Amino acid sequence: MWDRLEVQNEELVAAVQQLKPKARFIVTGYVLKGKTFKELAQETKLTERAAASTYYRSIEKLRIKMEKEK
């Protein structure tokens, strides 16, 4: 998927790739593909709440990681 995107922040791409596969799937599905948490939950066999929680925890991890990169 990444090879089709113009990478403007290699550190962010590296940080996303370090997420666990399910978390990476949810983050990229929500951000890049515009899927809803309901759709992502169905695809990952999670509840909608768990998919949203995974997304927000992952975003926080990415924020922390990116702050350390500065």
N, C-alpha and C. Protein backbone atom coordinates (compact mmCIF):
# COMPACT_ATOMS: atom_id res chain seq x y z
N MET A 1 0.82 -1.19 0.00
CA MET A 1 0.00 0.00 0.00
C MET A 1 0.87 1.26 0.00
N TRP A 2 1.95 1.25 0.76
CA TRP A 2 2.77 2.45 0.91
C TRP A 2 3.44 2.86 -0.39
N ASP A 3 3.74 1.92 -1.25
CA ASP A 3 4.44 2.26 -2.48
C ASP A 3 3.59 3.08 -3.43
N ARG A 4 2.28 3.11 -3.23
CA ARG A 4 1.41 3.92 -4.09
C ARG A 4 1.25 5.34 -3.57
N LEU A 5 1.76 5.62 -2.37
CA LEU A 5 1.64 6.94 -1.79
C LEU A 5 2.93 7.73 -1.94
N GLU A 6 2.78 9.01 -2.05
CA GLU A 6 3.96 9.87 -2.04
C GLU A 6 4.33 10.09 -0.58
N VAL A 7 5.45 9.58 -0.17
CA VAL A 7 5.87 9.66 1.22
C VAL A 7 6.48 11.02 1.49
N GLN A 8 5.87 11.75 2.41
CA GLN A 8 6.37 13.06 2.76
C GLN A 8 7.01 13.05 4.15
N ASN A 9 6.75 12.01 4.92
CA ASN A 9 7.31 11.94 6.25
C ASN A 9 7.72 10.49 6.52
N GLU A 10 8.96 10.20 6.23
CA GLU A 10 9.44 8.82 6.36
C GLU A 10 9.40 8.34 7.80
N GLU A 11 9.59 9.25 8.77
CA GLU A 11 9.55 8.86 10.18
C GLU A 11 8.15 8.39 10.56
N LEU A 12 7.13 9.06 10.03
CA LEU A 12 5.75 8.66 10.32
C LEU A 12 5.45 7.30 9.70
N VAL A 13 5.88 7.09 8.48
CA VAL A 13 5.66 5.80 7.83
C VAL A 13 6.34 4.69 8.63
N ALA A 14 7.56 4.94 9.08
CA ALA A 14 8.29 3.94 9.88
C ALA A 14 7.56 3.67 11.18
N ALA A 15 7.02 4.70 11.80
CA ALA A 15 6.29 4.53 13.06
C ALA A 15 5.01 3.72 12.85
N VAL A 16 4.29 4.00 11.76
CA VAL A 16 3.06 3.25 11.46
C VAL A 16 3.39 1.79 11.21
N GLN A 17 4.49 1.54 10.52
CA GLN A 17 4.86 0.16 10.21
C GLN A 17 5.26 -0.62 11.46
N GLN A 18 5.59 0.08 12.54
CA GLN A 18 5.94 -0.60 13.79
C GLN A 18 4.72 -0.97 14.63
N LEU A 19 3.54 -0.48 14.25
CA LEU A 19 2.33 -0.86 14.96
C LEU A 19 2.04 -2.34 14.72
N LYS A 20 1.31 -2.93 15.63
CA LYS A 20 0.87 -4.32 15.43
C LYS A 20 -0.02 -4.36 14.20
N PRO A 21 -0.04 -5.50 13.50
CA PRO A 21 -0.79 -5.58 12.24
C PRO A 21 -2.25 -5.13 12.32
N LYS A 22 -2.97 -5.54 13.35
CA LYS A 22 -4.38 -5.17 13.45
C LYS A 22 -4.52 -3.67 13.68
N ALA A 23 -3.66 -3.10 14.51
CA ALA A 23 -3.69 -1.66 14.76
C ALA A 23 -3.35 -0.89 13.49
N ARG A 24 -2.35 -1.37 12.76
CA ARG A 24 -1.95 -0.73 11.50
C ARG A 24 -3.11 -0.80 10.49
N PHE A 25 -3.78 -1.93 10.43
CA PHE A 25 -4.92 -2.10 9.53
C PHE A 25 -6.02 -1.10 9.86
N ILE A 26 -6.30 -0.93 11.14
CA ILE A 26 -7.36 -0.01 11.57
C ILE A 26 -6.96 1.45 11.30
N VAL A 27 -5.74 1.82 11.65
CA VAL A 27 -5.30 3.20 11.41
C VAL A 27 -5.31 3.53 9.93
N THR A 28 -4.72 2.68 9.12
CA THR A 28 -4.67 2.98 7.68
C THR A 28 -6.06 2.90 7.04
N GLY A 29 -6.88 1.98 7.51
CA GLY A 29 -8.23 1.88 6.98
C GLY A 29 -9.06 3.12 7.28
N TYR A 30 -8.92 3.63 8.48
CA TYR A 30 -9.68 4.81 8.88
C TYR A 30 -9.15 6.08 8.22
N VAL A 31 -7.84 6.25 8.25
CA VAL A 31 -7.23 7.49 7.74
C VAL A 31 -7.13 7.50 6.22
N LEU A 32 -6.60 6.46 5.64
CA LEU A 32 -6.33 6.47 4.21
C LEU A 32 -7.50 6.02 3.34
N LYS A 33 -8.29 5.10 3.86
CA LYS A 33 -9.38 4.56 3.05
C LYS A 33 -10.74 5.12 3.44
N GLY A 34 -10.80 5.87 4.55
CA GLY A 34 -12.05 6.50 4.96
C GLY A 34 -13.11 5.54 5.47
N LYS A 35 -12.68 4.38 5.94
CA LYS A 35 -13.64 3.41 6.46
C LYS A 35 -14.13 3.86 7.83
N THR A 36 -15.33 3.43 8.17
CA THR A 36 -15.88 3.74 9.49
C THR A 36 -15.39 2.71 10.50
N PHE A 37 -15.52 3.05 11.77
CA PHE A 37 -15.15 2.08 12.80
C PHE A 37 -16.04 0.84 12.73
N LYS A 38 -17.27 1.02 12.32
CA LYS A 38 -18.18 -0.12 12.18
C LYS A 38 -17.67 -1.07 11.09
N GLU A 39 -17.25 -0.53 9.95
CA GLU A 39 -16.71 -1.35 8.87
C GLU A 39 -15.43 -2.06 9.30
N LEU A 40 -14.55 -1.31 9.96
CA LEU A 40 -13.28 -1.88 10.42
C LEU A 40 -13.52 -2.96 11.47
N ALA A 41 -14.51 -2.75 12.32
CA ALA A 41 -14.83 -3.75 13.35
C ALA A 41 -15.29 -5.05 12.70
N GLN A 42 -16.13 -4.94 11.70
CA GLN A 42 -16.61 -6.13 11.01
C GLN A 42 -15.46 -6.88 10.33
N GLU A 43 -14.54 -6.14 9.74
CA GLU A 43 -13.43 -6.76 9.03
C GLU A 43 -12.40 -7.40 9.96
N THR A 44 -12.30 -6.90 11.18
CA THR A 44 -11.30 -7.41 12.13
C THR A 44 -11.90 -8.28 13.22
N LYS A 45 -13.20 -8.49 13.17
CA LYS A 45 -13.91 -9.31 14.16
C LYS A 45 -13.82 -8.69 15.57
N LEU A 46 -13.81 -7.35 15.61
CA LEU A 46 -13.83 -6.62 16.88
C LEU A 46 -15.18 -5.94 17.01
N THR A 47 -15.46 -5.42 18.21
CA THR A 47 -16.63 -4.57 18.35
C THR A 47 -16.26 -3.20 17.79
N GLU A 48 -17.28 -2.41 17.51
CA GLU A 48 -17.03 -1.07 17.00
C GLU A 48 -16.24 -0.25 18.03
N ARG A 49 -16.59 -0.42 19.28
CA ARG A 49 -15.89 0.29 20.37
C ARG A 49 -14.42 -0.13 20.45
N ALA A 50 -14.14 -1.42 20.28
CA ALA A 50 -12.76 -1.91 20.33
C ALA A 50 -11.96 -1.38 19.15
N ALA A 51 -12.57 -1.30 17.99
CA ALA A 51 -11.88 -0.76 16.81
C ALA A 51 -11.54 0.71 17.04
N ALA A 52 -12.48 1.47 17.57
CA ALA A 52 -12.22 2.88 17.86
C ALA A 52 -11.14 3.03 18.92
N SER A 53 -11.21 2.21 19.94
CA SER A 53 -10.21 2.26 21.00
C SER A 53 -8.82 1.94 20.47
N THR A 54 -8.74 0.93 19.62
CA THR A 54 -7.46 0.57 19.01
C THR A 54 -6.92 1.73 18.19
N TYR A 55 -7.79 2.39 17.45
CA TYR A 55 -7.38 3.53 16.64
C TYR A 55 -6.81 4.65 17.52
N TYR A 56 -7.56 5.04 18.54
CA TYR A 56 -7.12 6.17 19.37
C TYR A 56 -5.86 5.86 20.17
N ARG A 57 -5.73 4.62 20.64
CA ARG A 57 -4.49 4.23 21.34
C ARG A 57 -3.31 4.27 20.37
N SER A 58 -3.52 3.80 19.17
CA SER A 58 -2.45 3.78 18.16
C SER A 58 -2.04 5.19 17.77
N ILE A 59 -2.99 6.08 17.62
CA ILE A 59 -2.69 7.47 17.29
C ILE A 59 -1.87 8.10 18.41
N GLU A 60 -2.20 7.81 19.64
CA GLU A 60 -1.43 8.34 20.78
C GLU A 60 0.00 7.80 20.75
N LYS A 61 0.15 6.51 20.45
CA LYS A 61 1.50 5.93 20.33
C LYS A 61 2.29 6.62 19.23
N LEU A 62 1.63 6.89 18.12
CA LEU A 62 2.31 7.57 17.01
C LEU A 62 2.71 8.99 17.39
N ARG A 63 1.84 9.69 18.11
CA ARG A 63 2.17 11.05 18.56
C ARG A 63 3.40 11.05 19.45
N ILE A 64 3.43 10.12 20.40
CA ILE A 64 4.56 10.02 21.32
C ILE A 64 5.83 9.70 20.55
N LYS A 65 5.75 8.76 19.65
CA LYS A 65 6.92 8.36 18.86
C LYS A 65 7.42 9.53 18.00
N MET A 66 6.51 10.28 17.41
CA MET A 66 6.90 11.39 16.57
C MET A 66 7.51 12.53 17.40
N GLU A 67 7.02 12.73 18.60
CA GLU A 67 7.59 13.76 19.48
C GLU A 67 9.04 13.41 19.81
N LYS A 68 9.32 12.15 20.02
CA LYS A 68 10.68 11.71 20.33
C LYS A 68 11.60 11.92 19.15
N GLU A 69 11.07 11.89 17.94
CA GLU A 69 11.87 12.04 16.72
C GLU A 69 12.33 13.48 16.51
N LYS A 70 11.63 14.42 17.13
CA LYS A 70 11.96 15.85 16.92
C LYS A 70 13.29 16.22 17.52
